[in-house]
């Protein structure tokens, strides 16, 4: 229905940078909050 849609899509590198930024932010809070001393903890 919209054959011209998507011609100006951003590159995969930019999408990866967005994903990496989100995961880095989550991992920082995860690493600071989660302890792996035991499975229960």
ModelCIF file with pLDDT and N, C-alpha, C, O atoms, coordinates in Angstrom:
data_MODEL
#
_entry.id   MODEL 
#
_entity.id                         1 
_entity.type                       polymer 
_entity.pdbx_number_of_molecules   1 
#
_entity_poly.entity_id                      1 
_entity_poly.type                           'polypeptide(L)' 
_entity_poly.nstd_linkage                   no 
_entity_poly.nstd_monomer                   no 
_entity_poly.pdbx_seq_one_letter_code       
;(UNK)(UNK)(UNK)(UNK)(UNK)(UNK)(UNK)(UNK)(UNK)(UNK)(UNK)(UNK)(UNK)(UNK)(UNK)(UNK)
(UNK)(UNK)(UNK)(UNK)(UNK)(UNK)(UNK)(UNK)(UNK)(UNK)(UNK)(UNK)(UNK)(UNK)(UNK)(UNK)
(UNK)(UNK)(UNK)(UNK)(UNK)(UNK)(UNK)(UNK)(UNK)
;
_entity_poly.pdbx_seq_one_letter_code_can   XXXXXXXXXXXXXXXXXXXXXXXXXXXXXXXXXXXXXXXXX 
_entity_poly.pdbx_strand_id                 A 
#
loop_
_entity_poly_seq.entity_id 
_entity_poly_seq.num 
_entity_poly_seq.mon_id 
_entity_poly_seq.hetero 
1 1  UNK n 
1 2  UNK n 
1 3  UNK n 
1 4  UNK n 
1 5  UNK n 
1 6  UNK n 
1 7  UNK n 
1 8  UNK n 
1 9  UNK n 
1 10 UNK n 
1 11 UNK n 
1 12 UNK n 
1 13 UNK n 
1 14 UNK n 
1 15 UNK n 
1 16 UNK n 
1 17 UNK n 
1 18 UNK n 
1 19 UNK n 
1 20 UNK n 
1 21 UNK n 
1 22 UNK n 
1 23 UNK n 
1 24 UNK n 
1 25 UNK n 
1 26 UNK n 
1 27 UNK n 
1 28 UNK n 
1 29 UNK n 
1 30 UNK n 
1 31 UNK n 
1 32 UNK n 
1 33 UNK n 
1 34 UNK n 
1 35 UNK n 
1 36 UNK n 
1 37 UNK n 
1 38 UNK n 
1 39 UNK n 
1 40 UNK n 
1 41 UNK n 
#
_struct_asym.id          A 
_struct_asym.entity_id   1 
#
loop_
_ma_qa_metric.id 
_ma_qa_metric.mode 
_ma_qa_metric.name 
_ma_qa_metric.software_group_id 
_ma_qa_metric.type 
1 global pLDDT . pLDDT 
2 local  pLDDT . pLDDT 
#
_ma_qa_metric_global.metric_id      1 
_ma_qa_metric_global.metric_value   82.63 
_ma_qa_metric_global.model_id       1 
_ma_qa_metric_global.ordinal_id     1 
#
loop_
_ma_qa_metric_local.label_asym_id 
_ma_qa_metric_local.label_comp_id 
_ma_qa_metric_local.label_seq_id 
_ma_qa_metric_local.metric_id 
_ma_qa_metric_local.metric_value 
_ma_qa_metric_local.model_id 
_ma_qa_metric_local.ordinal_id 
A UNK 1  2 80.00 1 1  
A UNK 2  2 76.00 1 2  
A UNK 3  2 68.00 1 3  
A UNK 4  2 67.00 1 4  
A UNK 5  2 60.00 1 5  
A UNK 6  2 55.00 1 6  
A UNK 7  2 58.00 1 7  
A UNK 8  2 61.00 1 8  
A UNK 9  2 68.00 1 9  
A UNK 10 2 72.00 1 10 
A UNK 11 2 79.00 1 11 
A UNK 12 2 82.00 1 12 
A UNK 13 2 85.00 1 13 
A UNK 14 2 86.00 1 14 
A UNK 15 2 86.00 1 15 
A UNK 16 2 88.00 1 16 
A UNK 17 2 88.00 1 17 
A UNK 18 2 90.00 1 18 
A UNK 19 2 91.00 1 19 
A UNK 20 2 91.00 1 20 
A UNK 21 2 91.00 1 21 
A UNK 22 2 91.00 1 22 
A UNK 23 2 93.00 1 23 
A UNK 24 2 92.00 1 24 
A UNK 25 2 90.00 1 25 
A UNK 26 2 91.00 1 26 
A UNK 27 2 92.00 1 27 
A UNK 28 2 91.00 1 28 
A UNK 29 2 90.00 1 29 
A UNK 30 2 90.00 1 30 
A UNK 31 2 90.00 1 31 
A UNK 32 2 89.00 1 32 
A UNK 33 2 88.00 1 33 
A UNK 34 2 88.00 1 34 
A UNK 35 2 86.00 1 35 
A UNK 36 2 82.00 1 36 
A UNK 37 2 84.00 1 37 
A UNK 38 2 85.00 1 38 
A UNK 39 2 84.00 1 39 
A UNK 40 2 84.00 1 40 
A UNK 41 2 86.00 1 41 
#
loop_
_atom_site.group_PDB 
_atom_site.id 
_atom_site.type_symbol 
_atom_site.label_atom_id 
_atom_site.label_alt_id 
_atom_site.label_comp_id 
_atom_site.label_asym_id 
_atom_site.label_entity_id 
_atom_site.label_seq_id 
_atom_site.pdbx_PDB_ins_code 
_atom_site.Cartn_x 
_atom_site.Cartn_y 
_atom_site.Cartn_z 
_atom_site.occupancy 
_atom_site.B_iso_or_equiv 
_atom_site.pdbx_formal_charge 
_atom_site.auth_seq_id 
_atom_site.auth_comp_id 
_atom_site.auth_asym_id 
_atom_site.auth_atom_id 
_atom_site.pdbx_PDB_model_num 
ATOM 1   N N  . UNK A 1 1  ? 0.821  -1.206  0.000  1.00 80.00 ? 1  UNK A N  1 
ATOM 2   C CA . UNK A 1 1  ? 0.000  0.000   0.000  1.00 80.00 ? 1  UNK A CA 1 
ATOM 3   C C  . UNK A 1 1  ? 0.859  1.262   0.000  1.00 80.00 ? 1  UNK A C  1 
ATOM 4   O O  . UNK A 1 1  ? 0.452  2.285   -0.550 1.00 80.00 ? 1  UNK A O  1 
ATOM 5   N N  . UNK A 1 2  ? 2.050  1.201   0.615  1.00 76.00 ? 2  UNK A N  1 
ATOM 6   C CA . UNK A 1 2  ? 2.959  2.359   0.662  1.00 76.00 ? 2  UNK A CA 1 
ATOM 7   C C  . UNK A 1 2  ? 4.353  1.915   0.198  1.00 76.00 ? 2  UNK A C  1 
ATOM 8   O O  . UNK A 1 2  ? 5.243  1.692   1.019  1.00 76.00 ? 2  UNK A O  1 
ATOM 9   N N  . UNK A 1 3  ? 4.528  1.792   -1.083 1.00 68.00 ? 3  UNK A N  1 
ATOM 10  C CA . UNK A 1 3  ? 5.819  1.290   -1.592 1.00 68.00 ? 3  UNK A CA 1 
ATOM 11  C C  . UNK A 1 3  ? 6.987  2.219   -1.304 1.00 68.00 ? 3  UNK A C  1 
ATOM 12  O O  . UNK A 1 3  ? 8.125  1.752   -1.243 1.00 68.00 ? 3  UNK A O  1 
ATOM 13  N N  . UNK A 1 4  ? 6.754  3.514   -1.124 1.00 67.00 ? 4  UNK A N  1 
ATOM 14  C CA . UNK A 1 4  ? 7.842  4.459   -0.883 1.00 67.00 ? 4  UNK A CA 1 
ATOM 15  C C  . UNK A 1 4  ? 8.237  4.543   0.599  1.00 67.00 ? 4  UNK A C  1 
ATOM 16  O O  . UNK A 1 4  ? 9.234  5.174   0.948  1.00 67.00 ? 4  UNK A O  1 
ATOM 17  N N  . UNK A 1 5  ? 7.455  3.911   1.446  1.00 60.00 ? 5  UNK A N  1 
ATOM 18  C CA . UNK A 1 5  ? 7.750  3.973   2.878  1.00 60.00 ? 5  UNK A CA 1 
ATOM 19  C C  . UNK A 1 5  ? 8.984  3.139   3.190  1.00 60.00 ? 5  UNK A C  1 
ATOM 20  O O  . UNK A 1 5  ? 9.126  2.013   2.713  1.00 60.00 ? 5  UNK A O  1 
ATOM 21  N N  . UNK A 1 6  ? 9.847  3.693   3.975  1.00 55.00 ? 6  UNK A N  1 
ATOM 22  C CA . UNK A 1 6  ? 11.027 2.965   4.399  1.00 55.00 ? 6  UNK A CA 1 
ATOM 23  C C  . UNK A 1 6  ? 12.270 3.251   3.594  1.00 55.00 ? 6  UNK A C  1 
ATOM 24  O O  . UNK A 1 6  ? 13.336 2.713   3.894  1.00 55.00 ? 6  UNK A O  1 
ATOM 25  N N  . UNK A 1 7  ? 12.158 4.102   2.558  1.00 58.00 ? 7  UNK A N  1 
ATOM 26  C CA . UNK A 1 7  ? 13.354 4.393   1.769  1.00 58.00 ? 7  UNK A CA 1 
ATOM 27  C C  . UNK A 1 7  ? 14.367 5.205   2.559  1.00 58.00 ? 7  UNK A C  1 
ATOM 28  O O  . UNK A 1 7  ? 15.571 5.114   2.319  1.00 58.00 ? 7  UNK A O  1 
ATOM 29  N N  . UNK A 1 8  ? 13.869 6.011   3.515  1.00 61.00 ? 8  UNK A N  1 
ATOM 30  C CA . UNK A 1 8  ? 14.763 6.848   4.313  1.00 61.00 ? 8  UNK A CA 1 
ATOM 31  C C  . UNK A 1 8  ? 15.026 6.248   5.695  1.00 61.00 ? 8  UNK A C  1 
ATOM 32  O O  . UNK A 1 8  ? 15.264 6.971   6.663  1.00 61.00 ? 8  UNK A O  1 
ATOM 33  N N  . UNK A 1 9  ? 14.980 4.917   5.773  1.00 68.00 ? 9  UNK A N  1 
ATOM 34  C CA . UNK A 1 9  ? 15.239 4.261   7.048  1.00 68.00 ? 9  UNK A CA 1 
ATOM 35  C C  . UNK A 1 9  ? 16.696 4.447   7.451  1.00 68.00 ? 9  UNK A C  1 
ATOM 36  O O  . UNK A 1 9  ? 17.592 4.575   6.616  1.00 68.00 ? 9  UNK A O  1 
ATOM 37  N N  . UNK A 1 10 ? 16.898 4.456   8.795  1.00 72.00 ? 10 UNK A N  1 
ATOM 38  C CA . UNK A 1 10 ? 18.266 4.613   9.291  1.00 72.00 ? 10 UNK A CA 1 
ATOM 39  C C  . UNK A 1 10 ? 18.995 3.298   9.172  1.00 72.00 ? 10 UNK A C  1 
ATOM 40  O O  . UNK A 1 10 ? 18.380 2.254   8.953  1.00 72.00 ? 10 UNK A O  1 
ATOM 41  N N  . UNK A 1 11 ? 20.288 3.346   9.314  1.00 79.00 ? 11 UNK A N  1 
ATOM 42  C CA . UNK A 1 11 ? 21.117 2.161   9.127  1.00 79.00 ? 11 UNK A CA 1 
ATOM 43  C C  . UNK A 1 11 ? 21.023 1.238   10.342 1.00 79.00 ? 11 UNK A C  1 
ATOM 44  O O  . UNK A 1 11 ? 20.550 1.622   11.412 1.00 79.00 ? 11 UNK A O  1 
ATOM 45  N N  . UNK A 1 12 ? 21.495 -0.001  10.134 1.00 82.00 ? 12 UNK A N  1 
ATOM 46  C CA . UNK A 1 12 ? 21.523 -0.975  11.222 1.00 82.00 ? 12 UNK A CA 1 
ATOM 47  C C  . UNK A 1 12 ? 22.482 -0.552  12.328 1.00 82.00 ? 12 UNK A C  1 
ATOM 48  O O  . UNK A 1 12 ? 22.284 -0.910  13.489 1.00 82.00 ? 12 UNK A O  1 
ATOM 49  N N  . UNK A 1 13 ? 23.509 0.200   11.982 1.00 85.00 ? 13 UNK A N  1 
ATOM 50  C CA . UNK A 1 13 ? 24.470 0.657   12.983 1.00 85.00 ? 13 UNK A CA 1 
ATOM 51  C C  . UNK A 1 13 ? 23.810 1.598   13.983 1.00 85.00 ? 13 UNK A C  1 
ATOM 52  O O  . UNK A 1 13 ? 24.069 1.529   15.184 1.00 85.00 ? 13 UNK A O  1 
ATOM 53  N N  . UNK A 1 14 ? 22.945 2.486   13.466 1.00 86.00 ? 14 UNK A N  1 
ATOM 54  C CA . UNK A 1 14 ? 22.255 3.410   14.352 1.00 86.00 ? 14 UNK A CA 1 
ATOM 55  C C  . UNK A 1 14 ? 21.287 2.655   15.264 1.00 86.00 ? 14 UNK A C  1 
ATOM 56  O O  . UNK A 1 14 ? 21.176 2.959   16.451 1.00 86.00 ? 14 UNK A O  1 
ATOM 57  N N  . UNK A 1 15 ? 20.583 1.658   14.691 1.00 86.00 ? 15 UNK A N  1 
ATOM 58  C CA . UNK A 1 15 ? 19.678 0.858   15.517 1.00 86.00 ? 15 UNK A CA 1 
ATOM 59  C C  . UNK A 1 15 ? 20.442 0.108   16.599 1.00 86.00 ? 15 UNK A C  1 
ATOM 60  O O  . UNK A 1 15 ? 19.974 -0.007  17.731 1.00 86.00 ? 15 UNK A O  1 
ATOM 61  N N  . UNK A 1 16 ? 21.603 -0.395  16.254 1.00 88.00 ? 16 UNK A N  1 
ATOM 62  C CA . UNK A 1 16 ? 22.414 -1.095  17.249 1.00 88.00 ? 16 UNK A CA 1 
ATOM 63  C C  . UNK A 1 16 ? 22.871 -0.149  18.360 1.00 88.00 ? 16 UNK A C  1 
ATOM 64  O O  . UNK A 1 16 ? 22.898 -0.526  19.531 1.00 88.00 ? 16 UNK A O  1 
ATOM 65  N N  . UNK A 1 17 ? 23.231 1.089   17.983 1.00 88.00 ? 17 UNK A N  1 
ATOM 66  C CA . UNK A 1 17 ? 23.652 2.066   18.995 1.00 88.00 ? 17 UNK A CA 1 
ATOM 67  C C  . UNK A 1 17 ? 22.514 2.392   19.970 1.00 88.00 ? 17 UNK A C  1 
ATOM 68  O O  . UNK A 1 17 ? 22.735 2.550   21.170 1.00 88.00 ? 17 UNK A O  1 
ATOM 69  N N  . UNK A 1 18 ? 21.286 2.489   19.426 1.00 90.00 ? 18 UNK A N  1 
ATOM 70  C CA . UNK A 1 18 ? 20.141 2.743   20.301 1.00 90.00 ? 18 UNK A CA 1 
ATOM 71  C C  . UNK A 1 18 ? 19.938 1.562   21.256 1.00 90.00 ? 18 UNK A C  1 
ATOM 72  O O  . UNK A 1 18 ? 19.742 1.751   22.457 1.00 90.00 ? 18 UNK A O  1 
ATOM 73  N N  . UNK A 1 19 ? 19.986 0.350   20.713 1.00 91.00 ? 19 UNK A N  1 
ATOM 74  C CA . UNK A 1 19 ? 19.815 -0.846  21.545 1.00 91.00 ? 19 UNK A CA 1 
ATOM 75  C C  . UNK A 1 19 ? 20.923 -0.956  22.589 1.00 91.00 ? 19 UNK A C  1 
ATOM 76  O O  . UNK A 1 19 ? 20.669 -1.290  23.746 1.00 91.00 ? 19 UNK A O  1 
ATOM 77  N N  . UNK A 1 20 ? 22.154 -0.671  22.165 1.00 91.00 ? 20 UNK A N  1 
ATOM 78  C CA . UNK A 1 20 ? 23.287 -0.753  23.096 1.00 91.00 ? 20 UNK A CA 1 
ATOM 79  C C  . UNK A 1 20 ? 23.149 0.277   24.219 1.00 91.00 ? 20 UNK A C  1 
ATOM 80  O O  . UNK A 1 20 ? 23.464 -0.016  25.373 1.00 91.00 ? 20 UNK A O  1 
ATOM 81  N N  . UNK A 1 21 ? 22.682 1.476   23.884 1.00 91.00 ? 21 UNK A N  1 
ATOM 82  C CA . UNK A 1 21 ? 22.518 2.495   24.910 1.00 91.00 ? 21 UNK A CA 1 
ATOM 83  C C  . UNK A 1 21 ? 21.465 2.085   25.945 1.00 91.00 ? 21 UNK A C  1 
ATOM 84  O O  . UNK A 1 21 ? 21.644 2.294   27.145 1.00 91.00 ? 21 UNK A O  1 
ATOM 85  N N  . UNK A 1 22 ? 20.367 1.500   25.462 1.00 91.00 ? 22 UNK A N  1 
ATOM 86  C CA . UNK A 1 22 ? 19.320 1.058   26.394 1.00 91.00 ? 22 UNK A CA 1 
ATOM 87  C C  . UNK A 1 22 ? 19.830 -0.064  27.291 1.00 91.00 ? 22 UNK A C  1 
ATOM 88  O O  . UNK A 1 22 ? 19.612 -0.042  28.503 1.00 91.00 ? 22 UNK A O  1 
ATOM 89  N N  . UNK A 1 23 ? 20.508 -1.041  26.700 1.00 93.00 ? 23 UNK A N  1 
ATOM 90  C CA . UNK A 1 23 ? 21.008 -2.181  27.473 1.00 93.00 ? 23 UNK A CA 1 
ATOM 91  C C  . UNK A 1 23 ? 22.095 -1.754  28.459 1.00 93.00 ? 23 UNK A C  1 
ATOM 92  O O  . UNK A 1 23 ? 22.156 -2.267  29.577 1.00 93.00 ? 23 UNK A O  1 
ATOM 93  N N  . UNK A 1 24 ? 22.957 -0.812  28.045 1.00 92.00 ? 24 UNK A N  1 
ATOM 94  C CA . UNK A 1 24 ? 24.006 -0.338  28.967 1.00 92.00 ? 24 UNK A CA 1 
ATOM 95  C C  . UNK A 1 24 ? 23.390 0.326   30.199 1.00 92.00 ? 24 UNK A C  1 
ATOM 96  O O  . UNK A 1 24 ? 23.848 0.125   31.323 1.00 92.00 ? 24 UNK A O  1 
ATOM 97  N N  . UNK A 1 25 ? 22.353 1.112   29.966 1.00 90.00 ? 25 UNK A N  1 
ATOM 98  C CA . UNK A 1 25 ? 21.705 1.782   31.093 1.00 90.00 ? 25 UNK A CA 1 
ATOM 99  C C  . UNK A 1 25 ? 21.054 0.767   32.032 1.00 90.00 ? 25 UNK A C  1 
ATOM 100 O O  . UNK A 1 25 ? 21.152 0.893   33.252 1.00 90.00 ? 25 UNK A O  1 
ATOM 101 N N  . UNK A 1 26 ? 20.394 -0.231  31.464 1.00 91.00 ? 26 UNK A N  1 
ATOM 102 C CA . UNK A 1 26 ? 19.772 -1.263  32.298 1.00 91.00 ? 26 UNK A CA 1 
ATOM 103 C C  . UNK A 1 26 ? 20.807 -2.103  33.025 1.00 91.00 ? 26 UNK A C  1 
ATOM 104 O O  . UNK A 1 26 ? 20.613 -2.473  34.183 1.00 91.00 ? 26 UNK A O  1 
ATOM 105 N N  . UNK A 1 27 ? 21.902 -2.401  32.350 1.00 92.00 ? 27 UNK A N  1 
ATOM 106 C CA . UNK A 1 27 ? 22.914 -3.245  32.997 1.00 92.00 ? 27 UNK A CA 1 
ATOM 107 C C  . UNK A 1 27 ? 23.576 -2.512  34.164 1.00 92.00 ? 27 UNK A C  1 
ATOM 108 O O  . UNK A 1 27 ? 23.912 -3.128  35.175 1.00 92.00 ? 27 UNK A O  1 
ATOM 109 N N  . UNK A 1 28 ? 23.761 -1.224  34.026 1.00 91.00 ? 28 UNK A N  1 
ATOM 110 C CA . UNK A 1 28 ? 24.359 -0.476  35.128 1.00 91.00 ? 28 UNK A CA 1 
ATOM 111 C C  . UNK A 1 28 ? 23.499 -0.561  36.391 1.00 91.00 ? 28 UNK A C  1 
ATOM 112 O O  . UNK A 1 28 ? 24.013 -0.792  37.486 1.00 91.00 ? 28 UNK A O  1 
ATOM 113 N N  . UNK A 1 29 ? 22.208 -0.377  36.231 1.00 90.00 ? 29 UNK A N  1 
ATOM 114 C CA . UNK A 1 29 ? 21.332 -0.489  37.405 1.00 90.00 ? 29 UNK A CA 1 
ATOM 115 C C  . UNK A 1 29 ? 21.241 -1.941  37.885 1.00 90.00 ? 29 UNK A C  1 
ATOM 116 O O  . UNK A 1 29 ? 21.141 -2.194  39.086 1.00 90.00 ? 29 UNK A O  1 
ATOM 117 N N  . UNK A 1 30 ? 21.276 -2.898  36.944 1.00 90.00 ? 30 UNK A N  1 
ATOM 118 C CA . UNK A 1 30 ? 21.224 -4.318  37.316 1.00 90.00 ? 30 UNK A CA 1 
ATOM 119 C C  . UNK A 1 30 ? 22.468 -4.714  38.099 1.00 90.00 ? 30 UNK A C  1 
ATOM 120 O O  . UNK A 1 30 ? 22.380 -5.400  39.116 1.00 90.00 ? 30 UNK A O  1 
ATOM 121 N N  . UNK A 1 31 ? 23.618 -4.279  37.620 1.00 90.00 ? 31 UNK A N  1 
ATOM 122 C CA . UNK A 1 31 ? 24.882 -4.632  38.273 1.00 90.00 ? 31 UNK A CA 1 
ATOM 123 C C  . UNK A 1 31 ? 24.983 -3.992  39.657 1.00 90.00 ? 31 UNK A C  1 
ATOM 124 O O  . UNK A 1 31 ? 25.604 -4.553  40.560 1.00 90.00 ? 31 UNK A O  1 
ATOM 125 N N  . UNK A 1 32 ? 24.382 -2.834  39.818 1.00 89.00 ? 32 UNK A N  1 
ATOM 126 C CA . UNK A 1 32 ? 24.461 -2.152  41.104 1.00 89.00 ? 32 UNK A CA 1 
ATOM 127 C C  . UNK A 1 32 ? 23.437 -2.678  42.105 1.00 89.00 ? 32 UNK A C  1 
ATOM 128 O O  . UNK A 1 32 ? 23.613 -2.516  43.313 1.00 89.00 ? 32 UNK A O  1 
ATOM 129 N N  . UNK A 1 33 ? 22.367 -3.306  41.613 1.00 88.00 ? 33 UNK A N  1 
ATOM 130 C CA . UNK A 1 33 ? 21.287 -3.712  42.512 1.00 88.00 ? 33 UNK A CA 1 
ATOM 131 C C  . UNK A 1 33 ? 21.241 -5.205  42.792 1.00 88.00 ? 33 UNK A C  1 
ATOM 132 O O  . UNK A 1 33 ? 20.715 -5.608  43.829 1.00 88.00 ? 33 UNK A O  1 
ATOM 133 N N  . UNK A 1 34 ? 21.767 -6.033  41.917 1.00 88.00 ? 34 UNK A N  1 
ATOM 134 C CA . UNK A 1 34 ? 21.606 -7.491  42.028 1.00 88.00 ? 34 UNK A CA 1 
ATOM 135 C C  . UNK A 1 34 ? 22.878 -8.117  42.563 1.00 88.00 ? 34 UNK A C  1 
ATOM 136 O O  . UNK A 1 34 ? 23.976 -7.834  42.084 1.00 88.00 ? 34 UNK A O  1 
ATOM 137 N N  . UNK A 1 35 ? 22.716 -8.969  43.559 1.00 86.00 ? 35 UNK A N  1 
ATOM 138 C CA . UNK A 1 35 ? 23.821 -9.720  44.137 1.00 86.00 ? 35 UNK A CA 1 
ATOM 139 C C  . UNK A 1 35 ? 23.726 -11.177 43.696 1.00 86.00 ? 35 UNK A C  1 
ATOM 140 O O  . UNK A 1 35 ? 22.637 -11.743 43.609 1.00 86.00 ? 35 UNK A O  1 
ATOM 141 N N  . UNK A 1 36 ? 24.889 -11.777 43.420 1.00 82.00 ? 36 UNK A N  1 
ATOM 142 C CA . UNK A 1 36 ? 24.918 -13.167 42.950 1.00 82.00 ? 36 UNK A CA 1 
ATOM 143 C C  . UNK A 1 36 ? 25.623 -14.070 43.968 1.00 82.00 ? 36 UNK A C  1 
ATOM 144 O O  . UNK A 1 36 ? 26.243 -15.067 43.596 1.00 82.00 ? 36 UNK A O  1 
ATOM 145 N N  . UNK A 1 37 ? 25.525 -13.722 45.232 1.00 84.00 ? 37 UNK A N  1 
ATOM 146 C CA . UNK A 1 37 ? 26.161 -14.549 46.266 1.00 84.00 ? 37 UNK A CA 1 
ATOM 147 C C  . UNK A 1 37 ? 25.543 -15.933 46.314 1.00 84.00 ? 37 UNK A C  1 
ATOM 148 O O  . UNK A 1 37 ? 26.259 -16.928 46.433 1.00 84.00 ? 37 UNK A O  1 
ATOM 149 N N  . UNK A 1 38 ? 24.225 -16.008 46.225 1.00 85.00 ? 38 UNK A N  1 
ATOM 150 C CA . UNK A 1 38 ? 23.510 -17.296 46.223 1.00 85.00 ? 38 UNK A CA 1 
ATOM 151 C C  . UNK A 1 38 ? 22.329 -17.185 45.286 1.00 85.00 ? 38 UNK A C  1 
ATOM 152 O O  . UNK A 1 38 ? 21.914 -16.092 44.902 1.00 85.00 ? 38 UNK A O  1 
ATOM 153 N N  . UNK A 1 39 ? 21.796 -18.342 44.927 1.00 84.00 ? 39 UNK A N  1 
ATOM 154 C CA . UNK A 1 39 ? 20.660 -18.332 44.010 1.00 84.00 ? 39 UNK A CA 1 
ATOM 155 C C  . UNK A 1 39 ? 19.439 -17.687 44.655 1.00 84.00 ? 39 UNK A C  1 
ATOM 156 O O  . UNK A 1 39 ? 18.682 -16.978 43.991 1.00 84.00 ? 39 UNK A O  1 
ATOM 157 N N  . UNK A 1 40 ? 19.252 -17.929 45.928 1.00 84.00 ? 40 UNK A N  1 
ATOM 158 C CA . UNK A 1 40 ? 18.124 -17.328 46.630 1.00 84.00 ? 40 UNK A CA 1 
ATOM 159 C C  . UNK A 1 40 ? 18.235 -15.811 46.653 1.00 84.00 ? 40 UNK A C  1 
ATOM 160 O O  . UNK A 1 40 ? 17.253 -15.101 46.436 1.00 84.00 ? 40 UNK A O  1 
ATOM 161 N N  . UNK A 1 41 ? 19.445 -15.322 46.920 1.00 86.00 ? 41 UNK A N  1 
ATOM 162 C CA . UNK A 1 41 ? 19.658 -13.876 46.947 1.00 86.00 ? 41 UNK A CA 1 
ATOM 163 C C  . UNK A 1 41 ? 19.532 -13.286 45.547 1.00 86.00 ? 41 UNK A C  1 
ATOM 164 O O  . UNK A 1 41 ? 19.680 -12.077 45.371 1.00 86.00 ? 41 UNK A O  1 
#
